[in-house]
Each structure stands twice: as C-alpha cells, then as structure tokens.
Amino acid sequence: MMHTYLKSALAAARAAADEILRYYRGDFEVELKADQTPVTVADRKAEEIIRNILLGEFPDHGFFGEEGGKEHEDAEYLWLVDPIDGTKSFVGGYGMFSTQIALMHQGRLVLGVSSAPAAAEMAWATHDSGAMLDSAPVHVSTISEVPDASISTGNLQTLAGSPKWSRLGRIFAEANRTRGYGDYYHYHRLAAGQLDAVIESDVNILDIAALSVIIKQAGGVFTDLQGNPPGLETTSVLAANPALHARLLSILNDD
C-alpha cells in the first residue's frame, strides 16, 4: 500500500510543480498572512491540486496544509503539505523553494516527497525503502568528526538568543566548512552525502516532515536540537549521519 501512497504523492508533486512554474517570475499579487509571511495564488492553487489528488485517492485520510489548515486530523493517516516552502524565494524570483508532501501514520512519519520545481529536482522515500534523488539512490556521508565536516544552517533566530548560540560557535570554529544553504537545498545535499550536517532552530513540521523521512532513509538521523524525533510540534532540526549527529548533539547540549 505504501507504494500506492508514494505514487499518488509523486503525481501530486509533479502536478503542483506544473502549476507553480506557470506563475514563477510572472505577474501575481502577494498577500501577507496573519503571521506576516507572504502567500500567493500559486501557493493556494498548488495546495488545492495536491489536496484534490490525495483526498480523491484516499478520502478517509486527513489533510494538514500550510494554507488550508487541518481536516480530519484524527484520521489514521494524515498528509502534511507545504505547497511552496520558501514563498519569499518564489516571490523574489530565485529557485530556493520547494513543495513538501509527507504522510504520517498514527503519529509516525512514513513517507516524504520533496520537489524543487525551479531546479527540476525531486527527492523521495518511504519508511520501508531507501531514499531517492532524481531516481537514483542516495546515502548520507560517513564523516564522523566535526573538523572534517561541512555544516549548513538555516533559520537560527531562536538559537541566537539561547545558550546554544555559543555552543554553535564552538561547532563553527571546529568545522571544516560552514554554509547557509537553507530550505530544501541543504537537506537534499545532506541526503546525497554532499554535505554532512544541517542545523536549524526556527522551522515548522510542514517545512521538514518529508525531509525527515528522506534523511532517515538515506541513513541519517533527524531530530530536533534536543535529540527528539520529529512530530507535529517540532520547531528545530539537527540532521546528520549517526556518528556526526551524536557528536553535534553532545556539543549543543553540553551543560
């Protein structure tokens, strides 16, 4: 059955990509939501397309969308969807945005599809398979020590105001290379072994649910900054291969 779910999620992601690219770098209005983040017609139409495909195939499933909120959230299966993660990038006309589709079964994330329309890049995984990037299997790196590691960060505002900020500084001082790729991009590179760790402190589950499945199935570990597995309330990320994750987690939580 998981193969059927994945087939539908991939179809939904591709259909959404076609719609998103119709508007990309075009003329459209930008609105601000209550949280002051932007939303466009492309966000809303892409989510509608994904919702119609998934709930058309699986009407007993729940749906949690960035734009439409939660429907039947107590269902056994719950789809988690961000139609355009990185709307500011989309509005700005540069391609660091993606469509994120995940499936949660009784609180456990079991499927993830991450589609980057502007880059024509797609990653996916299910809980019982390896991770794929553009139809090729991928695996995280084997770098185990911070001085050998390439580390990318995303949103860090909350971490910057916490005791962990100085600990992150220790990591940066030791690391071989630091980058700030952000959004889907550094997770795809992590899954492919082209980057060794990702650290973020300000995300929501719709941003990273699908990516967490992909990283795990690529052989990595994906938790919040305290080492907890991802769930609906997750707001931070530490992702890496198992050995490096353990080292980074120890530094970040060194009392």
Protein backbone atom coordinates (compact mmCIF):
# COMPACT_ATOMS: atom_id res chain seq x y z
CA MET A 1 0.00 0.00 0.00
CA MET A 2 2.89 2.36 0.71
CA HIS A 3 3.87 2.17 -2.96
CA THR A 4 0.37 3.36 -3.87
CA TYR A 5 0.64 6.28 -1.45
CA LEU A 6 4.04 7.22 -2.88
CA LYS A 7 2.82 7.03 -6.48
CA SER A 8 -0.02 9.44 -5.67
CA ALA A 9 2.26 11.80 -3.72
CA LEU A 10 4.72 11.96 -6.61
CA ALA A 11 1.88 12.64 -9.04
CA ALA A 12 0.58 15.40 -6.78
CA ALA A 13 4.05 16.97 -6.51
CA ARG A 14 4.52 16.95 -10.28
CA ALA A 15 1.07 18.44 -10.90
CA ALA A 16 1.75 21.14 -8.31
CA ALA A 17 5.14 21.89 -9.92
CA ASP A 18 3.48 22.50 -13.28
CA GLU A 19 1.08 24.98 -11.67
CA ILE A 20 3.79 26.73 -9.65
CA LEU A 21 6.01 27.21 -12.69
CA ARG A 22 3.12 28.86 -14.55
CA TYR A 23 3.43 31.74 -12.06
CA TYR A 24 7.15 31.71 -11.29
CA ARG A 25 8.78 35.00 -12.27
CA GLY A 26 5.41 36.17 -13.55
CA ASP A 27 2.94 38.84 -12.52
CA PHE A 28 0.93 37.98 -9.42
CA GLU A 29 -0.23 39.64 -6.22
CA VAL A 30 1.46 38.94 -2.90
CA GLU A 31 -0.60 38.96 0.28
CA LEU A 32 0.54 38.84 3.89
CA LYS A 33 -0.94 36.27 6.24
CA ALA A 34 -1.62 36.93 9.91
CA ASP A 35 1.94 35.88 10.79
CA GLN A 36 3.27 38.39 8.21
CA THR A 37 4.54 35.69 5.88
CA PRO A 38 3.70 36.03 2.18
CA VAL A 39 1.19 33.94 0.27
CA THR A 40 0.33 33.95 -3.44
CA VAL A 41 -2.21 32.44 -5.78
CA ALA A 42 0.42 29.84 -6.67
CA ASP A 43 0.58 28.65 -3.04
CA ARG A 44 -3.18 28.28 -2.85
CA LYS A 45 -3.66 26.64 -6.24
CA ALA A 46 -0.80 24.22 -5.71
CA GLU A 47 -2.20 23.14 -2.35
CA GLU A 48 -5.65 22.70 -3.88
CA ILE A 49 -4.20 20.48 -6.61
CA ILE A 50 -2.33 18.35 -4.08
CA ARG A 51 -5.34 18.09 -1.80
CA ASN A 52 -7.67 17.08 -4.63
CA ILE A 53 -5.32 14.37 -5.86
CA LEU A 54 -4.56 12.88 -2.44
CA LEU A 55 -8.02 13.04 -0.91
CA GLY A 56 -9.53 11.98 -4.23
CA GLU A 57 -7.46 8.81 -3.99
CA PHE A 58 -7.69 8.39 -0.21
CA PRO A 59 -10.88 10.08 1.05
CA ASP A 60 -10.55 8.61 4.55
CA HIS A 61 -7.19 10.31 5.12
CA GLY A 62 -6.67 13.57 6.99
CA PHE A 63 -5.00 16.62 5.45
CA PHE A 64 -2.89 19.36 7.06
CA GLY A 65 -1.99 22.10 4.58
CA GLU A 66 0.02 25.27 5.07
CA GLU A 67 -2.74 27.37 3.51
CA GLY A 68 -5.92 25.47 4.36
CA GLY A 69 -5.17 24.12 7.82
CA LYS A 70 -6.23 20.75 9.19
CA GLU A 71 -9.00 18.47 8.01
CA HIS A 72 -9.82 15.22 9.82
CA GLU A 73 -6.56 15.47 11.75
CA ASP A 74 -7.50 12.45 13.89
CA ALA A 75 -7.57 10.14 10.87
CA GLU A 76 -5.26 7.12 10.88
CA TYR A 77 -3.28 8.65 8.00
CA LEU A 78 -2.55 12.39 7.84
CA TRP A 79 -1.00 14.17 4.85
CA LEU A 80 1.26 17.12 5.74
CA VAL A 81 1.68 19.59 2.88
CA ASP A 82 3.51 22.85 2.28
CA PRO A 83 2.77 23.72 -1.36
CA ILE A 84 5.56 26.31 -1.57
CA ASP A 85 8.07 26.13 1.24
CA GLY A 86 10.11 29.27 0.65
CA THR A 87 7.43 31.60 -0.69
CA LYS A 88 9.78 34.57 -0.19
CA SER A 89 12.21 32.91 -2.59
CA PHE A 90 9.39 32.22 -5.03
CA VAL A 91 8.24 35.85 -4.86
CA GLY A 92 11.83 37.06 -5.21
CA GLY A 93 12.31 35.07 -8.38
CA TYR A 94 15.04 32.73 -7.22
CA GLY A 95 14.67 28.98 -7.04
CA MET A 96 15.23 28.12 -3.36
CA PHE A 97 11.66 26.95 -2.86
CA SER A 98 10.06 23.54 -2.84
CA THR A 99 6.86 21.55 -2.41
CA GLN A 100 6.83 19.32 0.66
CA ILE A 101 4.46 16.34 0.95
CA ALA A 102 4.64 13.91 3.86
CA LEU A 103 2.41 11.15 5.19
CA MET A 104 2.01 10.45 8.90
CA HIS A 105 0.57 7.16 10.15
CA GLN A 106 -0.66 7.24 13.74
CA GLY A 107 1.89 9.90 14.65
CA ARG A 108 4.81 8.36 12.75
CA LEU A 109 6.16 9.91 9.56
CA VAL A 110 6.27 7.18 6.91
CA LEU A 111 6.59 8.91 3.52
CA GLY A 112 8.21 12.03 2.16
CA VAL A 113 8.36 13.78 -1.20
CA SER A 114 10.41 16.95 -1.66
CA SER A 115 10.02 18.65 -5.04
CA ALA A 116 12.06 21.64 -6.18
CA PRO A 117 10.30 22.85 -9.34
CA ALA A 118 12.75 25.58 -10.38
CA ALA A 119 15.67 23.14 -10.11
CA ALA A 120 13.70 20.22 -11.60
CA GLU A 121 14.87 18.15 -8.62
CA MET A 122 12.81 15.59 -6.72
CA ALA A 123 13.67 13.53 -3.63
CA TRP A 124 11.50 10.89 -2.00
CA ALA A 125 11.44 7.99 0.43
CA THR A 126 9.11 5.74 2.38
CA HIS A 127 9.75 4.14 5.74
CA ASP A 128 10.39 0.75 4.14
CA SER A 129 12.69 1.86 1.31
CA GLY A 130 15.87 3.80 0.74
CA ALA A 131 15.97 7.44 -0.29
CA MET A 132 15.95 8.55 -3.91
CA LEU A 133 17.07 11.77 -5.55
CA ASP A 134 16.04 12.13 -9.19
CA SER A 135 15.52 8.36 -9.44
CA ALA A 136 18.98 7.48 -8.08
CA PRO A 137 19.53 6.04 -4.60
CA VAL A 138 21.36 8.34 -2.18
CA HIS A 139 23.09 7.94 1.18
CA VAL A 140 24.43 10.34 3.78
CA SER A 141 28.19 10.80 4.19
CA THR A 142 30.39 8.87 6.59
CA ILE A 143 32.18 11.94 8.00
CA SER A 144 32.22 11.42 11.77
CA GLU A 145 34.32 14.27 13.17
CA VAL A 146 33.43 17.96 13.27
CA PRO A 147 36.84 19.16 11.92
CA ASP A 148 36.18 17.13 8.76
CA ALA A 149 32.54 18.16 8.36
CA SER A 150 30.68 20.57 6.10
CA ILE A 151 27.77 22.04 8.07
CA SER A 152 24.87 24.12 6.75
CA THR A 153 22.46 26.25 8.74
CA GLY A 154 19.03 27.66 8.01
CA ASN A 155 16.88 29.81 10.28
CA LEU A 156 18.72 30.49 13.54
CA GLN A 157 16.87 33.36 15.24
CA THR A 158 15.73 31.43 18.31
CA LEU A 159 19.05 29.65 18.70
CA ALA A 160 20.87 33.00 18.51
CA GLY A 161 19.04 34.13 21.65
CA SER A 162 19.74 30.96 23.62
CA PRO A 163 22.71 29.42 25.48
CA LYS A 164 23.19 27.11 22.50
CA TRP A 165 24.48 30.04 20.42
CA SER A 166 27.95 29.89 21.96
CA ARG A 167 27.93 26.10 21.53
CA LEU A 168 27.11 26.53 17.86
CA GLY A 169 30.07 28.90 17.73
CA ARG A 170 32.26 26.07 19.02
CA ILE A 171 30.99 23.86 16.21
CA PHE A 172 31.63 26.55 13.59
CA ALA A 173 35.15 27.11 14.94
CA GLU A 174 35.92 23.40 14.55
CA ALA A 175 34.12 22.65 11.30
CA ASN A 176 35.91 22.17 8.02
CA ARG A 177 33.37 24.30 6.18
CA THR A 178 30.18 26.18 7.06
CA ARG A 179 27.41 27.18 4.69
CA GLY A 180 23.91 28.65 4.93
CA TYR A 181 22.11 26.96 2.08
CA GLY A 182 18.74 26.75 3.86
CA ASP A 183 15.36 25.49 2.71
CA TYR A 184 15.11 22.19 0.81
CA TYR A 185 18.55 22.57 -0.73
CA HIS A 186 20.77 21.62 2.16
CA TYR A 187 18.61 18.61 3.03
CA HIS A 188 18.87 17.23 -0.50
CA ARG A 189 22.65 17.72 -0.37
CA LEU A 190 22.76 16.04 3.04
CA ALA A 191 20.81 13.02 1.77
CA ALA A 192 23.21 12.72 -1.18
CA GLY A 193 26.32 12.82 1.01
CA GLN A 194 27.42 16.18 -0.43
CA LEU A 195 27.01 17.92 2.94
CA ASP A 196 27.47 16.44 6.40
CA ALA A 197 25.04 18.18 8.77
CA VAL A 198 22.14 20.64 8.92
CA ILE A 199 21.21 22.80 11.92
CA GLU A 200 18.08 24.99 12.19
CA SER A 201 16.14 26.47 15.11
CA ASP A 202 13.06 28.04 13.51
CA VAL A 203 11.00 25.69 11.35
CA ASN A 204 7.58 24.10 11.48
CA ILE A 205 6.68 20.50 10.82
CA LEU A 206 5.29 21.21 7.35
CA ASP A 207 8.73 22.51 6.33
CA ILE A 208 10.63 19.39 7.33
CA ALA A 209 8.31 16.38 7.70
CA ALA A 210 9.00 14.97 4.25
CA LEU A 211 12.70 15.77 4.50
CA SER A 212 12.98 13.92 7.80
CA VAL A 213 11.81 10.70 6.13
CA ILE A 214 14.23 11.19 3.24
CA ILE A 215 17.21 11.83 5.52
CA LYS A 216 16.39 8.86 7.73
CA GLN A 217 16.03 6.54 4.76
CA ALA A 218 19.32 7.84 3.39
CA GLY A 219 20.95 6.51 6.55
CA GLY A 220 20.89 9.70 8.58
CA VAL A 221 19.50 10.81 11.92
CA PHE A 222 16.93 13.61 12.03
CA THR A 223 15.88 15.13 15.37
CA ASP A 224 15.24 18.48 16.98
CA LEU A 225 18.10 20.25 18.76
CA GLN A 226 17.35 18.31 21.95
CA GLY A 227 17.50 14.96 20.17
CA ASN A 228 13.76 14.29 19.99
CA PRO A 229 12.24 12.69 16.87
CA PRO A 230 10.14 14.96 14.62
CA GLY A 231 6.47 15.43 15.44
CA LEU A 232 3.71 17.96 14.86
CA GLU A 233 5.22 20.38 17.39
CA THR A 234 8.82 20.23 16.12
CA THR A 235 10.45 23.65 15.59
CA SER A 236 14.18 22.86 15.25
CA VAL A 237 16.44 20.44 13.41
CA LEU A 238 19.71 18.63 13.84
CA ALA A 239 20.31 16.25 10.95
CA ALA A 240 23.47 14.32 10.07
CA ASN A 241 24.86 10.83 9.73
CA PRO A 242 24.65 8.86 13.02
CA ALA A 243 28.22 9.40 14.26
CA LEU A 244 28.34 13.12 13.47
CA HIS A 245 24.81 13.67 14.80
CA ALA A 246 25.83 12.20 18.16
CA ARG A 247 28.87 14.47 18.33
CA LEU A 248 26.96 17.63 17.40
CA LEU A 249 24.10 16.83 19.77
CA SER A 250 26.59 16.42 22.62
CA ILE A 251 28.18 19.81 21.90
CA LEU A 252 24.88 21.65 21.54
CA ASN A 253 23.56 20.27 24.81
CA ASP A 254 26.81 20.41 26.81
CA ASP A 255 25.95 21.76 30.24
